[in-house]
PDB file of N, CA and C in Angstrom:
ATOM      1  N   MET A   1      30.974 -46.855  21.454  1.00  0.00           N
ATOM      2  CA  MET A   1      32.336 -46.890  21.692  1.00  0.00           C
ATOM      3  C   MET A   1      33.144 -47.205  20.408  1.00  0.00           C
ATOM      4  N   ALA A   2      32.589 -48.101  19.573  1.00  0.00           N
ATOM      5  CA  ALA A   2      33.240 -48.474  18.343  1.00  0.00           C
ATOM      6  C   ALA A   2      33.256 -47.315  17.382  1.00  0.00           C
ATOM      7  N   ALA A   3      32.226 -46.475  17.421  1.00  0.00           N
ATOM      8  CA  ALA A   3      32.153 -45.318  16.551  1.00  0.00           C
ATOM      9  C   ALA A   3      33.264 -44.317  16.925  1.00  0.00           C
ATOM     10  N   LEU A   4      33.445 -44.162  18.206  1.00  0.00           N
ATOM     11  CA  LEU A   4      34.459 -43.251  18.677  1.00  0.00           C
ATOM     12  C   LEU A   4      35.874 -43.730  18.261  1.00  0.00           C
ATOM     13  N   ALA A   5      36.063 -45.035  18.346  1.00  0.00           N
ATOM     14  CA  ALA A   5      37.371 -45.607  17.969  1.00  0.00           C
ATOM     15  C   ALA A   5      37.581 -45.422  16.439  1.00  0.00           C
ATOM     16  N   LEU A   6      36.543 -45.590  15.691  1.00  0.00           N
ATOM     17  CA  LEU A   6      36.658 -45.440  14.266  1.00  0.00           C
ATOM     18  C   LEU A   6      36.936 -43.976  13.917  1.00  0.00           C
ATOM     19  N   ALA A   7      36.256 -43.039  14.580  1.00  0.00           N
ATOM     20  CA  ALA A   7      36.473 -41.619  14.303  1.00  0.00           C
ATOM     21  C   ALA A   7      37.932 -41.223  14.629  1.00  0.00           C
ATOM     22  N   LEU A   8      38.443 -41.743  15.785  1.00  0.00           N
ATOM     23  CA  LEU A   8      39.793 -41.425  16.116  1.00  0.00           C
ATOM     24  C   LEU A   8      40.797 -42.019  15.139  1.00  0.00           C
ATOM     25  N   ALA A   9      40.516 -43.226  14.638  1.00  0.00           N
ATOM     26  CA  ALA A   9      41.366 -43.837  13.661  1.00  0.00           C
ATOM     27  C   ALA A   9      41.408 -43.025  12.363  1.00  0.00           C
ATOM     28  N   MET A  10      40.250 -42.520  11.929  1.00  0.00           N
ATOM     29  CA  MET A  10      40.183 -41.709  10.744  1.00  0.00           C
ATOM     30  C   MET A  10      40.969 -40.404  10.914  1.00  0.00           C
ATOM     31  N   ILE A  11      40.852 -39.776  12.103  1.00  0.00           N
ATOM     32  CA  ILE A  11      41.602 -38.524  12.329  1.00  0.00           C
ATOM     33  C   ILE A  11      43.096 -38.851  12.297  1.00  0.00           C
ATOM     34  N   LEU A  12      43.494 -39.935  12.850  1.00  0.00           N
ATOM     35  CA  LEU A  12      44.881 -40.330  12.835  1.00  0.00           C
ATOM     36  C   LEU A  12      45.424 -40.561  11.421  1.00  0.00           C
ATOM     37  N   ILE A  13      44.642 -41.235  10.625  1.00  0.00           N
ATOM     38  CA  ILE A  13      44.984 -41.535   9.181  1.00  0.00           C
ATOM     39  C   ILE A  13      45.129 -40.250   8.428  1.00  0.00           C
ATOM     40  N   VAL A  14      44.131 -39.360   8.570  1.00  0.00           N
ATOM     41  CA  VAL A  14      44.161 -38.072   7.855  1.00  0.00           C
ATOM     42  C   VAL A  14      45.418 -37.273   8.291  1.00  0.00           C
ATOM     43  N   GLY A  15      45.684 -37.221   9.602  1.00  0.00           N
ATOM     44  CA  GLY A  15      46.850 -36.519  10.061  1.00  0.00           C
ATOM     45  C   GLY A  15      48.158 -37.053   9.525  1.00  0.00           C
ATOM     46  N   LEU A  16      48.249 -38.384   9.474  1.00  0.00           N
ATOM     47  CA  LEU A  16      49.496 -38.983   8.910  1.00  0.00           C
ATOM     48  C   LEU A  16      49.645 -38.683   7.448  1.00  0.00           C
ATOM     49  N   ARG A  17      48.533 -38.680   6.697  1.00  0.00           N
ATOM     50  CA  ARG A  17      48.580 -38.376   5.256  1.00  0.00           C
ATOM     51  C   ARG A  17      49.060 -36.916   5.031  1.00  0.00           C
ATOM     52  N   GLN A  18      48.546 -36.046   5.812  1.00  0.00           N
ATOM     53  CA  GLN A  18      48.936 -34.623   5.674  1.00  0.00           C
ATOM     54  C   GLN A  18      50.382 -34.438   6.057  1.00  0.00           C
ATOM     55  N   SER A  19      50.825 -35.136   7.043  1.00  0.00           N
ATOM     56  CA  SER A  19      52.230 -35.082   7.470  1.00  0.00           C
ATOM     57  C   SER A  19      53.147 -35.600   6.384  1.00  0.00           C
ATOM     58  N   ALA A  20      52.762 -36.675   5.749  1.00  0.00           N
ATOM     59  CA  ALA A  20      53.564 -37.300   4.695  1.00  0.00           C
ATOM     60  C   ALA A  20      53.652 -36.362   3.536  1.00  0.00           C
ATOM     61  N   SER A  21      52.568 -35.704   3.130  1.00  0.00           N
ATOM     62  CA  SER A  21      52.645 -34.825   2.001  1.00  0.00           C
ATOM     63  C   SER A  21      53.457 -33.581   2.315  1.00  0.00           C
ATOM     64  N   ALA A  22      53.436 -33.159   3.592  1.00  0.00           N
ATOM     65  CA  ALA A  22      54.289 -32.041   3.936  1.00  0.00           C
ATOM     66  C   ALA A  22      55.723 -32.384   3.812  1.00  0.00           C
ATOM     67  N   GLN A  23      56.062 -33.657   4.174  1.00  0.00           N
ATOM     68  CA  GLN A  23      57.470 -34.104   4.093  1.00  0.00           C
ATOM     69  C   GLN A  23      57.911 -34.238   2.663  1.00  0.00           C
ATOM     70  N   ASP A  24      56.991 -34.524   1.762  1.00  0.00           N
ATOM     71  CA  ASP A  24      57.295 -34.590   0.369  1.00  0.00           C
ATOM     72  C   ASP A  24      57.638 -33.230  -0.221  1.00  0.00           C
ATOM     73  N   GLY A  25      57.383 -32.193   0.527  1.00  0.00           N
ATOM     74  CA  GLY A  25      57.648 -30.816   0.063  1.00  0.00           C
ATOM     75  C   GLY A  25      56.493 -30.253  -0.693  1.00  0.00           C
ATOM     76  N   TYR A  26      55.348 -30.850  -0.719  1.00  0.00           N
ATOM     77  CA  TYR A  26      54.232 -30.324  -1.483  1.00  0.00           C
ATOM     78  C   TYR A  26      53.270 -29.601  -0.472  1.00  0.00           C
ATOM     79  N   HIS A  27      53.090 -28.392  -0.690  1.00  0.00           N
ATOM     80  CA  HIS A  27      52.215 -27.603   0.190  1.00  0.00           C
ATOM     81  C   HIS A  27      51.296 -26.794  -0.704  1.00  0.00           C
ATOM     82  N   TYR A  28      50.285 -26.199  -0.099  1.00  0.00           N
ATOM     83  CA  TYR A  28      49.415 -25.317  -0.831  1.00  0.00           C
ATOM     84  C   TYR A  28      50.208 -24.170  -1.458  1.00  0.00           C
ATOM     85  N   PHE A  29      51.202 -23.662  -0.689  1.00  0.00           N
ATOM     86  CA  PHE A  29      51.923 -22.494  -1.140  1.00  0.00           C
ATOM     87  C   PHE A  29      52.794 -22.847  -2.352  1.00  0.00           C
ATOM     88  N   ASP A  30      53.185 -24.137  -2.533  1.00  0.00           N
ATOM     89  CA  ASP A  30      53.910 -24.493  -3.727  1.00  0.00           C
ATOM     90  C   ASP A  30      53.062 -24.261  -4.960  1.00  0.00           C
ATOM     91  N   ARG A  31      51.813 -24.581  -4.840  1.00  0.00           N
ATOM     92  CA  ARG A  31      50.908 -24.322  -6.042  1.00  0.00           C
ATOM     93  C   ARG A  31      50.827 -22.833  -6.330  1.00  0.00           C
ATOM     94  N   VAL A  32      50.705 -21.987  -5.291  1.00  0.00           N
ATOM     95  CA  VAL A  32      50.609 -20.554  -5.511  1.00  0.00           C
ATOM     96  C   VAL A  32      51.928 -20.049  -6.188  1.00  0.00           C
ATOM     97  N   ASP A  33      53.102 -20.552  -5.702  1.00  0.00           N
ATOM     98  CA  ASP A  33      54.353 -20.125  -6.256  1.00  0.00           C
ATOM     99  C   ASP A  33      54.443 -20.560  -7.714  1.00  0.00           C
ATOM    100  N   TYR A  34      53.960 -21.754  -8.021  1.00  0.00           N
ATOM    101  CA  TYR A  34      53.997 -22.208  -9.380  1.00  0.00           C
ATOM    102  C   TYR A  34      53.115 -21.329 -10.287  1.00  0.00           C
ATOM    103  N   ARG A  35      51.960 -20.948  -9.787  1.00  0.00           N
ATOM    104  CA  ARG A  35      51.090 -20.084 -10.527  1.00  0.00           C
ATOM    105  C   ARG A  35      51.769 -18.766 -10.779  1.00  0.00           C
ATOM    106  N   ASP A  36      52.422 -18.219  -9.789  1.00  0.00           N
ATOM    107  CA  ASP A  36      53.147 -16.911  -9.967  1.00  0.00           C
ATOM    108  C   ASP A  36      54.256 -17.148 -10.988  1.00  0.00           C
ATOM    109  N   GLY A  37      54.911 -18.281 -10.981  1.00  0.00           N
ATOM    110  CA  GLY A  37      55.954 -18.531 -11.969  1.00  0.00           C
ATOM    111  C   GLY A  37      55.359 -18.591 -13.364  1.00  0.00           C
ATOM    112  N   SER A  38      54.148 -19.176 -13.526  1.00  0.00           N
ATOM    113  CA  SER A  38      53.504 -19.219 -14.832  1.00  0.00           C
ATOM    114  C   SER A  38      53.136 -17.817 -15.342  1.00  0.00           C
ATOM    115  N   LEU A  39      52.749 -16.992 -14.412  1.00  0.00           N
ATOM    116  CA  LEU A  39      52.422 -15.615 -14.807  1.00  0.00           C
ATOM    117  C   LEU A  39      53.654 -14.833 -15.188  1.00  0.00           C
ATOM    118  N   ARG A  40      54.780 -15.171 -14.544  1.00  0.00           N
ATOM    119  CA  ARG A  40      56.049 -14.571 -14.932  1.00  0.00           C
ATOM    120  C   ARG A  40      56.414 -14.951 -16.374  1.00  0.00           C
ATOM    121  N   VAL A  41      56.164 -16.194 -16.737  1.00  0.00           N
ATOM    122  CA  VAL A  41      56.387 -16.650 -18.072  1.00  0.00           C
ATOM    123  C   VAL A  41      55.504 -15.876 -19.027  1.00  0.00           C
ATOM    124  N   ALA A  42      54.253 -15.703 -18.669  1.00  0.00           N
ATOM    125  CA  ALA A  42      53.282 -14.956 -19.520  1.00  0.00           C
ATOM    126  C   ALA A  42      53.803 -13.531 -19.719  1.00  0.00           C
ATOM    127  N   ARG A  43      54.212 -12.910 -18.612  1.00  0.00           N
ATOM    128  CA  ARG A  43      54.715 -11.491 -18.707  1.00  0.00           C
ATOM    129  C   ARG A  43      55.987 -11.400 -19.582  1.00  0.00           C
ATOM    130  N   ASP A  44      56.871 -12.379 -19.411  1.00  0.00           N
ATOM    131  CA  ASP A  44      58.090 -12.363 -20.249  1.00  0.00           C
ATOM    132  C   ASP A  44      57.802 -12.504 -21.731  1.00  0.00           C
ATOM    133  N   PHE A  45      56.899 -13.468 -22.062  1.00  0.00           N
ATOM    134  CA  PHE A  45      56.550 -13.630 -23.481  1.00  0.00           C
ATOM    135  C   PHE A  45      55.813 -12.423 -24.003  1.00  0.00           C
ATOM    136  N   GLY A  46      54.874 -11.872 -23.177  1.00  0.00           N
ATOM    137  CA  GLY A  46      54.089 -10.699 -23.627  1.00  0.00           C
ATOM    138  C   GLY A  46      54.956  -9.475 -23.839  1.00  0.00           C
ATOM    139  N   ALA A  47      55.924  -9.271 -22.953  1.00  0.00           N
ATOM    140  CA  ALA A  47      56.815  -8.105 -23.115  1.00  0.00           C
ATOM    141  C   ALA A  47      57.720  -8.251 -24.319  1.00  0.00           C
ATOM    142  N   GLU A  48      58.223  -9.456 -24.484  1.00  0.00           N
ATOM    143  CA  GLU A  48      59.065  -9.728 -25.686  1.00  0.00           C
ATOM    144  C   GLU A  48      58.289  -9.484 -26.981  1.00  0.00           C
ATOM    145  N   ASP A  49      57.062 -10.039 -27.047  1.00  0.00           N
ATOM    146  CA  ASP A  49      56.283  -9.888 -28.249  1.00  0.00           C
ATOM    147  C   ASP A  49      55.824  -8.449 -28.481  1.00  0.00           C
ATOM    148  N   GLY A  50      55.419  -7.796 -27.445  1.00  0.00           N
ATOM    149  CA  GLY A  50      54.962  -6.391 -27.580  1.00  0.00           C
ATOM    150  C   GLY A  50      56.079  -5.476 -28.051  1.00  0.00           C
ATOM    151  N   SER A  51      57.273  -5.685 -27.515  1.00  0.00           N
ATOM    152  CA  SER A  51      58.395  -4.837 -27.975  1.00  0.00           C
ATOM    153  C   SER A  51      58.715  -5.116 -29.379  1.00  0.00           C
ATOM    154  N   LEU A  52      58.744  -6.416 -29.756  1.00  0.00           N
ATOM    155  CA  LEU A  52      59.054  -6.805 -31.151  1.00  0.00           C
ATOM    156  C   LEU A  52      58.042  -6.182 -32.114  1.00  0.00           C
ATOM    157  N   VAL A  53      56.775  -6.278 -31.833  1.00  0.00           N
ATOM    158  CA  VAL A  53      55.730  -5.773 -32.719  1.00  0.00           C
ATOM    159  C   VAL A  53      55.817  -4.274 -32.825  1.00  0.00           C
ATOM    160  N   ALA A  54      56.105  -3.588 -31.706  1.00  0.00           N
ATOM    161  CA  ALA A  54      56.236  -2.159 -31.747  1.00  0.00           C
ATOM    162  C   ALA A  54      57.392  -1.718 -32.653  1.00  0.00           C
ATOM    163  N   ARG A  55      58.502  -2.424 -32.597  1.00  0.00           N
ATOM    164  CA  ARG A  55      59.633  -2.089 -33.471  1.00  0.00           C
ATOM    165  C   ARG A  55      59.313  -2.347 -34.958  1.00  0.00           C
ATOM    166  N   GLN A  56      58.564  -3.459 -35.197  1.00  0.00           N
ATOM    167  CA  GLN A  56      58.150  -3.743 -36.564  1.00  0.00           C
ATOM    168  C   GLN A  56      57.184  -2.677 -37.078  1.00  0.00           C
ATOM    169  N   ASP A  57      56.237  -2.284 -36.240  1.00  0.00           N
ATOM    170  CA  ASP A  57      55.285  -1.205 -36.619  1.00  0.00           C
ATOM    171  C   ASP A  57      55.981   0.090 -36.934  1.00  0.00           C
ATOM    172  N   LEU A  58      56.967   0.452 -36.080  1.00  0.00           N
ATOM    173  CA  LEU A  58      57.704   1.668 -36.341  1.00  0.00           C
ATOM    174  C   LEU A  58      58.480   1.606 -37.607  1.00  0.00           C
ATOM    175  N   ALA A  59      59.101   0.497 -37.866  1.00  0.00           N
ATOM    176  CA  ALA A  59      59.866   0.285 -39.102  1.00  0.00           C
ATOM    177  C   ALA A  59      59.012   0.411 -40.352  1.00  0.00           C
ATOM    178  N   LYS A  60      57.768  -0.056 -40.237  1.00  0.00           N
ATOM    179  CA  LYS A  60      56.832  -0.008 -41.386  1.00  0.00           C
ATOM    180  C   LYS A  60      55.983   1.215 -41.427  1.00  0.00           C
ATOM    181  N   GLY A  61      56.196   2.134 -40.441  1.00  0.00           N
ATOM    182  CA  GLY A  61      55.385   3.363 -40.387  1.00  0.00           C
ATOM    183  C   GLY A  61      53.949   3.197 -40.049  1.00  0.00           C
ATOM    184  N   LYS A  62      53.628   2.149 -39.326  1.00  0.00           N
ATOM    185  CA  LYS A  62      52.280   1.833 -38.913  1.00  0.00           C
ATOM    186  C   LYS A  62      51.876   2.721 -37.699  1.00  0.00           C
ATOM    187  N   PRO A  63      50.589   2.917 -37.524  1.00  0.00           N
ATOM    188  CA  PRO A  63      50.153   3.719 -36.328  1.00  0.00           C
ATOM    189  C   PRO A  63      50.249   2.902 -35.029  1.00  0.00           C
ATOM    190  N   PHE A  64      50.148   3.585 -33.918  1.00  0.00           N
ATOM    191  CA  PHE A  64      50.178   3.035 -32.599  1.00  0.00           C
ATOM    192  C   PHE A  64      49.006   2.074 -32.390  1.00  0.00           C
ATOM    193  N   GLN A  65      49.262   0.790 -32.180  1.00  0.00           N
ATOM    194  CA  GLN A  65      48.237  -0.219 -31.898  1.00  0.00           C
ATOM    195  C   GLN A  65      48.739  -1.179 -30.841  1.00  0.00           C
ATOM    196  N   PRO A  66      48.519  -0.893 -29.577  1.00  0.00           N
ATOM    197  CA  PRO A  66      49.122  -1.626 -28.507  1.00  0.00           C
ATOM    198  C   PRO A  66      48.462  -2.913 -28.124  1.00  0.00           C
ATOM    199  N   TYR A  67      47.440  -3.326 -28.819  1.00  0.00           N
ATOM    200  CA  TYR A  67      46.782  -4.576 -28.466  1.00  0.00           C
ATOM    201  C   TYR A  67      47.249  -5.747 -29.331  1.00  0.00           C
ATOM    202  N   PRO A  68      47.482  -6.918 -28.641  1.00  0.00           N
ATOM    203  CA  PRO A  68      47.944  -8.085 -29.372  1.00  0.00           C
ATOM    204  C   PRO A  68      47.066  -8.390 -30.597  1.00  0.00           C
ATOM    205  N   ARG A  69      47.692  -8.653 -31.712  1.00  0.00           N
ATOM    206  CA  ARG A  69      46.951  -8.933 -32.955  1.00  0.00           C
ATOM    207  C   ARG A  69      47.767  -9.925 -33.781  1.00  0.00           C
ATOM    208  N   GLY A  70      47.136 -10.352 -34.857  1.00  0.00           N
ATOM    209  CA  GLY A  70      47.800 -11.297 -35.748  1.00  0.00           C
ATOM    210  C   GLY A  70      48.118 -12.622 -35.024  1.00  0.00           C
ATOM    211  N   LYS A  71      49.361 -13.090 -35.185  1.00  0.00           N
ATOM    212  CA  LYS A  71      49.687 -14.327 -34.496  1.00  0.00           C
ATOM    213  C   LYS A  71      49.819 -14.186 -32.994  1.00  0.00           C
ATOM    214  N   TYR A  72      49.790 -12.969 -32.465  1.00  0.00           N
ATOM    215  CA  TYR A  72      49.840 -12.702 -31.046  1.00  0.00           C
ATOM    216  C   TYR A  72      48.476 -12.505 -30.393  1.00  0.00           C
ATOM    217  N   ALA A  73      47.425 -12.542 -31.170  1.00  0.00           N
ATOM    218  CA  ALA A  73      46.090 -12.298 -30.693  1.00  0.00           C
ATOM    219  C   ALA A  73      45.580 -13.334 -29.701  1.00  0.00           C
ATOM    220  N   HIS A  74      46.132 -14.538 -29.759  1.00  0.00           N
ATOM    221  CA  HIS A  74      45.628 -15.562 -28.880  1.00  0.00           C
ATOM    222  C   HIS A  74      46.118 -15.393 -27.413  1.00  0.00           C
ATOM    223  N   GLU A  75      47.192 -14.634 -27.262  1.00  0.00           N
ATOM    224  CA  GLU A  75      47.742 -14.289 -25.943  1.00  0.00           C
ATOM    225  C   GLU A  75      48.072 -15.483 -25.061  1.00  0.00           C
ATOM    226  N   ASP A  76      48.453 -16.605 -25.722  1.00  0.00           N
ATOM    227  CA  ASP A  76      48.802 -17.780 -24.935  1.00  0.00           C
ATOM    228  C   ASP A  76      50.154 -18.366 -25.273  1.00  0.00           C
ATOM    229  N   ARG A  77      50.981 -17.620 -25.963  1.00  0.00           N
ATOM    230  CA  ARG A  77      52.330 -18.139 -26.303  1.00  0.00           C
ATOM    231  C   ARG A  77      53.042 -18.549 -25.060  1.00  0.00           C
ATOM    232  N   GLY A  78      53.570 -19.755 -25.042  1.00  0.00           N
ATOM    233  CA  GLY A  78      54.347 -20.272 -23.871  1.00  0.00           C
ATOM    234  C   GLY A  78      53.479 -20.939 -22.860  1.00  0.00           C
ATOM    235  N   TYR A  79      52.163 -20.909 -23.006  1.00  0.00           N
ATOM    236  CA  TYR A  79      51.237 -21.505 -22.013  1.00  0.00           C
ATOM    237  C   TYR A  79      51.370 -23.002 -22.052  1.00  0.00           C
ATOM    238  N   ARG A  80      51.311 -23.661 -20.898  1.00  0.00           N
ATOM    239  CA  ARG A  80      51.231 -25.107 -20.778  1.00  0.00           C
ATOM    240  C   ARG A  80      50.131 -25.470 -19.813  1.00  0.00           C
ATOM    241  N   ASN A  81      49.484 -26.592 -19.928  1.00  0.00           N
ATOM    242  CA  ASN A  81      48.396 -26.965 -19.105  1.00  0.00           C
ATOM    243  C   ASN A  81      48.775 -26.977 -17.606  1.00  0.00           C
ATOM    244  N   GLU A  82      50.014 -27.253 -17.305  1.00  0.00           N
ATOM    245  CA  GLU A  82      50.463 -27.323 -15.933  1.00  0.00           C
ATOM    246  C   GLU A  82      50.347 -25.930 -15.247  1.00  0.00           C
ATOM    247  N   PHE A  83      50.287 -24.876 -16.087  1.00  0.00           N
ATOM    248  CA  PHE A  83      50.169 -23.517 -15.488  1.00  0.00           C
ATOM    249  C   PHE A  83      48.846 -23.229 -14.887  1.00  0.00           C
ATOM    250  N   GLY A  84      47.846 -24.023 -15.197  1.00  0.00           N
ATOM    251  CA  GLY A  84      46.520 -23.863 -14.595  1.00  0.00           C
ATOM    252  C   GLY A  84      45.680 -22.849 -15.380  1.00  0.00           C
ATOM    253  N   ASP A  85      45.203 -21.832 -14.681  1.00  0.00           N
ATOM    254  CA  ASP A  85      44.195 -20.891 -15.208  1.00  0.00           C
ATOM    255  C   ASP A  85      44.701 -20.174 -16.463  1.00  0.00           C
ATOM    256  N   LYS A  86      44.220 -20.597 -17.594  1.00  0.00           N
ATOM    257  CA  LYS A  86      44.612 -20.036 -18.858  1.00  0.00           C
ATOM    258  C   LYS A  86      44.176 -18.548 -19.031  1.00  0.00           C
ATOM    259  N   TYR A  87      43.010 -18.226 -18.453  1.00  0.00           N
ATOM    260  CA  TYR A  87      42.520 -16.864 -18.511  1.00  0.00           C
ATOM    261  C   TYR A  87      43.527 -15.888 -17.824  1.00  0.00           C
ATOM    262  N   ALA A  88      43.962 -16.269 -16.643  1.00  0.00           N
ATOM    263  CA  ALA A  88      44.920 -15.451 -15.910  1.00  0.00           C
ATOM    264  C   ALA A  88      46.232 -15.294 -16.647  1.00  0.00           C
ATOM    265  N   TYR A  89      46.676 -16.382 -17.280  1.00  0.00           N
ATOM    266  CA  TYR A  89      47.860 -16.380 -18.122  1.00  0.00           C
ATOM    267  C   TYR A  89      47.705 -15.409 -19.294  1.00  0.00           C
ATOM    268  N   GLU A  90      46.617 -15.509 -20.013  1.00  0.00           N
ATOM    269  CA  GLU A  90      46.359 -14.642 -21.116  1.00  0.00           C
ATOM    270  C   GLU A  90      46.220 -13.170 -20.712  1.00  0.00           C
ATOM    271  N   GLU A  91      45.668 -12.938 -19.553  1.00  0.00           N
ATOM    272  CA  GLU A  91      45.527 -11.598 -19.085  1.00  0.00           C
ATOM    273  C   GLU A  91      46.898 -10.995 -18.782  1.00  0.00           C
ATOM    274  N   ALA A  92      47.753 -11.756 -18.122  1.00  0.00           N
ATOM    275  CA  ALA A  92      49.094 -11.285 -17.782  1.00  0.00           C
ATOM    276  C   ALA A  92      49.944 -11.042 -19.074  1.00  0.00           C
ATOM    277  N   TYR A  93      49.769 -11.960 -20.041  1.00  0.00           N
ATOM    278  CA  TYR A  93      50.481 -11.790 -21.336  1.00  0.00           C
ATOM    279  C   TYR A  93      50.028 -10.502 -22.012  1.00  0.00           C
ATOM    280  N   ALA A  94      48.716 -10.289 -22.102  1.00  0.00           N
ATOM    281  CA  ALA A  94      48.178  -9.078 -22.796  1.00  0.00           C
ATOM    282  C   ALA A  94      48.629  -7.799 -22.135  1.00  0.00           C
ATOM    283  N   ARG A  95      48.643  -7.783 -20.813  1.00  0.00           N
ATOM    284  CA  ARG A  95      49.015  -6.583 -20.069  1.00  0.00           C
ATOM    285  C   ARG A  95      50.511  -6.262 -20.319  1.00  0.00           C
ATOM    286  N   ALA A  96      51.337  -7.309 -20.270  1.00  0.00           N
ATOM    287  CA  ALA A  96      52.791  -7.098 -20.508  1.00  0.00           C
ATOM    288  C   ALA A  96      53.032  -6.693 -21.944  1.00  0.00           C
ATOM    289  N   TYR A  97      52.302  -7.317 -22.888  1.00  0.00           N
ATOM    290  CA  TYR A  97      52.405  -6.985 -24.306  1.00  0.00           C
ATOM    291  C   TYR A  97      52.142  -5.483 -24.482  1.00  0.00           C
ATOM    292  N   GLN A  98      51.009  -5.018 -23.971  1.00  0.00           N
ATOM    293  CA  GLN A  98      50.601  -3.620 -24.103  1.00  0.00           C
ATOM    294  C   GLN A  98      51.614  -2.652 -23.524  1.00  0.00           C
ATOM    295  N   GLN A  99      52.089  -2.971 -22.322  1.00  0.00           N
ATOM    296  CA  GLN A  99      53.047  -2.065 -21.669  1.00  0.00           C
ATOM    297  C   GLN A  99      54.375  -2.029 -22.471  1.00  0.00           C
ATOM    298  N   ALA A 100      54.861  -3.151 -22.907  1.00  0.00           N
ATOM    299  CA  ALA A 100      56.074  -3.191 -23.669  1.00  0.00           C
ATOM    300  C   ALA A 100      55.921  -2.497 -25.009  1.00  0.00           C
ATOM    301  N   TYR A 101      54.798  -2.746 -25.681  1.00  0.00           N
ATOM    302  CA  TYR A 101      54.533  -2.071 -26.967  1.00  0.00           C
ATOM    303  C   TYR A 101      54.553  -0.564 -26.764  1.00  0.00           C
ATOM    304  N   GLU A 102      53.837  -0.111 -25.794  1.00  0.00           N
ATOM    305  CA  GLU A 102      53.723   1.364 -25.552  1.00  0.00           C
ATOM    306  C   GLU A 102      55.073   1.930 -25.234  1.00  0.00           C
ATOM    307  N   HIS A 103      55.825   1.274 -24.351  1.00  0.00           N
ATOM    308  CA  HIS A 103      57.165   1.756 -23.941  1.00  0.00           C
ATOM    309  C   HIS A 103      58.084   1.850 -25.145  1.00  0.00           C
ATOM    310  N   THR A 104      58.112   0.788 -25.960  1.00  0.00           N
ATOM    311  CA  THR A 104      58.987   0.732 -27.121  1.00  0.00           C
ATOM    312  C   THR A 104      58.537   1.739 -28.170  1.00  0.00           C
ATOM    313  N   PHE A 105      57.294   1.836 -28.453  1.00  0.00           N
ATOM    314  CA  PHE A 105      56.775   2.692 -29.491  1.00  0.00           C
ATOM    315  C   PHE A 105      57.047   4.207 -29.135  1.00  0.00           C
ATOM    316  N   ARG A 106      56.816   4.541 -27.909  1.00  0.00           N
ATOM    317  CA  ARG A 106      57.000   5.953 -27.492  1.00  0.00           C
ATOM    318  C   ARG A 106      58.454   6.337 -27.346  1.00  0.00           C
ATOM    319  N   ARG A 107      59.317   5.309 -27.139  1.00  0.00           N
ATOM    320  CA  ARG A 107      60.759   5.559 -26.975  1.00  0.00           C
ATOM    321  C   ARG A 107      61.386   6.068 -28.249  1.00  0.00           C
ATOM    322  N   TYR A 108      60.848   5.595 -29.390  1.00  0.00           N
ATOM    323  CA  TYR A 108      61.480   5.984 -30.696  1.00  0.00           C
ATOM    324  C   TYR A 108      60.799   7.087 -31.349  1.00  0.00           C
TER     325      TYR A 108
END
């Protein structure tokens, strides 16, 4: 009987803790939204850098090279530890960089 009372007490405590964290506004989905926000930051920086490098390459008569290089090779500009998965951030940055580079380079 004591074990049953203890189990019920634990269930009640866990339920109250989950309810309190829901009231604080922290949910699993908040973390997902934050991750999406960090990938948006990565895409913004990648697009900005890709477009800039494409314009520089065109001005200097360089050939088409859509992959991040030089100071952009690390693909982590704007990254903060709070963003979580650095690999996902770098992947989003590189993809946006390449798309912006290609779009800018082919436009001129």
